[in-house]
Amino acid sequence: MNTTTVAALKPAATRSPYLAVVWAVPIAVLLAVLPWVMDSYRTIQLAYGLIFGIAGLGFNILLGYTGLLSFWHAAYFGLGAYAVAFMVKYMHTGSM
């Protein structure tokens, strides 16, 4: 086994936070550069995928720790959708 596999198997309390930084920084740089190297359609698709991924993580945490599924936090998605719709309609915003 290499060191990253061994580090991933350790309990979270004993894991080094620097391993997360080693992965997080290149991913953040890649996500910051992607809008300039990809067309806008693919960038929007990636953003939607990341947003729904965050929503899926929320469901995973709710079901995993509590065993209960609540859709109240989905109201924030609905509130955001209504806010964007009103901005497009009344403030004539072209794109988000």
C-alpha atoms as a PDB file:
ATOM      1  CA  MET A   1       0.000   0.000   0.000  1.00  0.00           C
ATOM      2  CA  ASN A   2       1.204   3.486  -0.720  1.00  0.00           C
ATOM      3  CA  THR A   3       1.069   6.333   1.820  1.00  0.00           C
ATOM      4  CA  THR A   4      -2.118   7.944   0.491  1.00  0.00           C
ATOM      5  CA  THR A   5      -4.017   4.675   0.818  1.00  0.00           C
ATOM      6  CA  VAL A   6      -2.710   4.157   4.341  1.00  0.00           C
ATOM      7  CA  ALA A   7      -3.549   7.785   5.229  1.00  0.00           C
ATOM      8  CA  ALA A   8      -7.083   7.366   3.889  1.00  0.00           C
ATOM      9  CA  LEU A   9      -7.628   4.332   6.135  1.00  0.00           C
ATOM     10  CA  LYS A  10      -6.649   6.188   9.312  1.00  0.00           C
ATOM     11  CA  PRO A  11      -9.369   7.598  11.559  1.00  0.00           C
ATOM     12  CA  ALA A  12     -10.215  11.217  10.790  1.00  0.00           C
ATOM     13  CA  ALA A  13      -8.863  12.437  14.132  1.00  0.00           C
ATOM     14  CA  THR A  14      -5.359  11.152  13.368  1.00  0.00           C
ATOM     15  CA  ARG A  15      -5.235  12.131   9.685  1.00  0.00           C
ATOM     16  CA  SER A  16      -3.003  14.989   8.635  1.00  0.00           C
ATOM     17  CA  PRO A  17      -4.898  18.053   7.364  1.00  0.00           C
ATOM     18  CA  TYR A  18      -2.107  18.656   4.856  1.00  0.00           C
ATOM     19  CA  LEU A  19      -3.246  15.686   2.794  1.00  0.00           C
ATOM     20  CA  ALA A  20      -6.574  17.429   2.212  1.00  0.00           C
ATOM     21  CA  VAL A  21      -4.740  20.607   1.154  1.00  0.00           C
ATOM     22  CA  VAL A  22      -2.629  18.619  -1.301  1.00  0.00           C
ATOM     23  CA  TRP A  23      -5.850  17.536  -3.033  1.00  0.00           C
ATOM     24  CA  ALA A  24      -7.956  20.667  -2.515  1.00  0.00           C
ATOM     25  CA  VAL A  25      -5.566  23.278  -3.928  1.00  0.00           C
ATOM     26  CA  PRO A  26      -5.092  21.708  -7.396  1.00  0.00           C
ATOM     27  CA  ILE A  27      -8.823  21.025  -7.678  1.00  0.00           C
ATOM     28  CA  ALA A  28      -9.635  24.631  -6.738  1.00  0.00           C
ATOM     29  CA  VAL A  29      -7.124  25.927  -9.301  1.00  0.00           C
ATOM     30  CA  LEU A  30      -8.602  23.629 -11.952  1.00  0.00           C
ATOM     31  CA  LEU A  31     -12.143  24.833 -11.211  1.00  0.00           C
ATOM     32  CA  ALA A  32     -10.987  28.462 -11.340  1.00  0.00           C
ATOM     33  CA  VAL A  33      -9.329  27.984 -14.756  1.00  0.00           C
ATOM     34  CA  LEU A  34     -12.068  25.901 -16.407  1.00  0.00           C
ATOM     35  CA  PRO A  35     -14.359  28.810 -17.452  1.00  0.00           C
ATOM     36  CA  TRP A  36     -11.547  30.213 -19.617  1.00  0.00           C
ATOM     37  CA  VAL A  37     -10.681  26.940 -21.362  1.00  0.00           C
ATOM     38  CA  MET A  38     -14.148  25.376 -21.760  1.00  0.00           C
ATOM     39  CA  ASP A  39     -17.167  26.664 -23.608  1.00  0.00           C
ATOM     40  CA  SER A  40     -19.929  28.215 -21.540  1.00  0.00           C
ATOM     41  CA  TYR A  41     -22.361  25.304 -22.012  1.00  0.00           C
ATOM     42  CA  ARG A  42     -19.964  22.791 -20.451  1.00  0.00           C
ATOM     43  CA  THR A  43     -19.119  25.225 -17.657  1.00  0.00           C
ATOM     44  CA  ILE A  44     -22.803  25.608 -16.783  1.00  0.00           C
ATOM     45  CA  GLN A  45     -23.241  21.820 -16.882  1.00  0.00           C
ATOM     46  CA  LEU A  46     -20.323  21.432 -14.487  1.00  0.00           C
ATOM     47  CA  ALA A  47     -21.787  24.053 -12.146  1.00  0.00           C
ATOM     48  CA  TYR A  48     -25.157  22.270 -12.126  1.00  0.00           C
ATOM     49  CA  GLY A  49     -23.440  18.974 -11.431  1.00  0.00           C
ATOM     50  CA  LEU A  50     -21.531  20.461  -8.506  1.00  0.00           C
ATOM     51  CA  ILE A  51     -24.693  22.070  -7.096  1.00  0.00           C
ATOM     52  CA  PHE A  52     -26.637  18.811  -7.256  1.00  0.00           C
ATOM     53  CA  GLY A  53     -23.634  17.020  -5.794  1.00  0.00           C
ATOM     54  CA  ILE A  54     -23.778  19.331  -2.786  1.00  0.00           C
ATOM     55  CA  ALA A  55     -27.501  18.621  -2.463  1.00  0.00           C
ATOM     56  CA  GLY A  56     -26.776  14.892  -2.626  1.00  0.00           C
ATOM     57  CA  LEU A  57     -24.153  15.225   0.098  1.00  0.00           C
ATOM     58  CA  GLY A  58     -26.756  16.949   2.257  1.00  0.00           C
ATOM     59  CA  PHE A  59     -29.153  14.041   1.774  1.00  0.00           C
ATOM     60  CA  ASN A  60     -26.357  11.596   2.528  1.00  0.00           C
ATOM     61  CA  ILE A  61     -25.540  13.342   5.800  1.00  0.00           C
ATOM     62  CA  LEU A  62     -29.213  13.521   6.798  1.00  0.00           C
ATOM     63  CA  LEU A  63     -29.871   9.859   6.061  1.00  0.00           C
ATOM     64  CA  GLY A  64     -26.538   8.595   7.327  1.00  0.00           C
ATOM     65  CA  TYR A  65     -26.404  10.245  10.732  1.00  0.00           C
ATOM     66  CA  THR A  66     -30.062  10.634  11.614  1.00  0.00           C
ATOM     67  CA  GLY A  67     -31.877   8.138   9.420  1.00  0.00           C
ATOM     68  CA  LEU A  68     -34.416  10.850   8.689  1.00  0.00           C
ATOM     69  CA  LEU A  69     -34.944  12.558   5.372  1.00  0.00           C
ATOM     70  CA  SER A  70     -36.161  16.116   5.478  1.00  0.00           C
ATOM     71  CA  PHE A  71     -36.673  18.287   2.436  1.00  0.00           C
ATOM     72  CA  TRP A  72     -36.662  21.590   4.339  1.00  0.00           C
ATOM     73  CA  HIS A  73     -33.184  22.454   3.154  1.00  0.00           C
ATOM     74  CA  ALA A  74     -34.452  22.019  -0.410  1.00  0.00           C
ATOM     75  CA  ALA A  75     -36.493  25.166   0.204  1.00  0.00           C
ATOM     76  CA  TYR A  76     -33.229  27.098  -0.163  1.00  0.00           C
ATOM     77  CA  PHE A  77     -32.908  25.770  -3.709  1.00  0.00           C
ATOM     78  CA  GLY A  78     -36.482  26.855  -4.425  1.00  0.00           C
ATOM     79  CA  LEU A  79     -35.907  30.259  -2.877  1.00  0.00           C
ATOM     80  CA  GLY A  80     -32.794  30.696  -4.997  1.00  0.00           C
ATOM     81  CA  ALA A  81     -34.678  29.648  -8.130  1.00  0.00           C
ATOM     82  CA  TYR A  82     -37.428  32.179  -7.464  1.00  0.00           C
ATOM     83  CA  ALA A  83     -34.855  34.902  -6.767  1.00  0.00           C
ATOM     84  CA  VAL A  84     -33.088  34.205 -10.054  1.00  0.00           C
ATOM     85  CA  ALA A  85     -36.387  34.116 -11.967  1.00  0.00           C
ATOM     86  CA  PHE A  86     -37.415  37.500 -10.558  1.00  0.00           C
ATOM     87  CA  MET A  87     -33.980  38.951 -11.298  1.00  0.00           C
ATOM     88  CA  VAL A  88     -34.206  37.789 -14.909  1.00  0.00           C
ATOM     89  CA  LYS A  89     -37.755  39.083 -15.289  1.00  0.00           C
ATOM     90  CA  TYR A  90     -37.591  42.443 -13.537  1.00  0.00           C
ATOM     91  CA  MET A  91     -33.909  43.369 -13.491  1.00  0.00           C
ATOM     92  CA  HIS A  92     -33.264  42.046 -17.034  1.00  0.00           C
ATOM     93  CA  THR A  93     -30.262  40.009 -15.970  1.00  0.00           C
ATOM     94  CA  GLY A  94     -28.943  37.985 -18.902  1.00  0.00           C
ATOM     95  CA  SER A  95     -27.318  35.039 -17.186  1.00  0.00           C
ATOM     96  CA  MET A  96     -26.261  33.923 -13.762  1.00  0.00           C
END
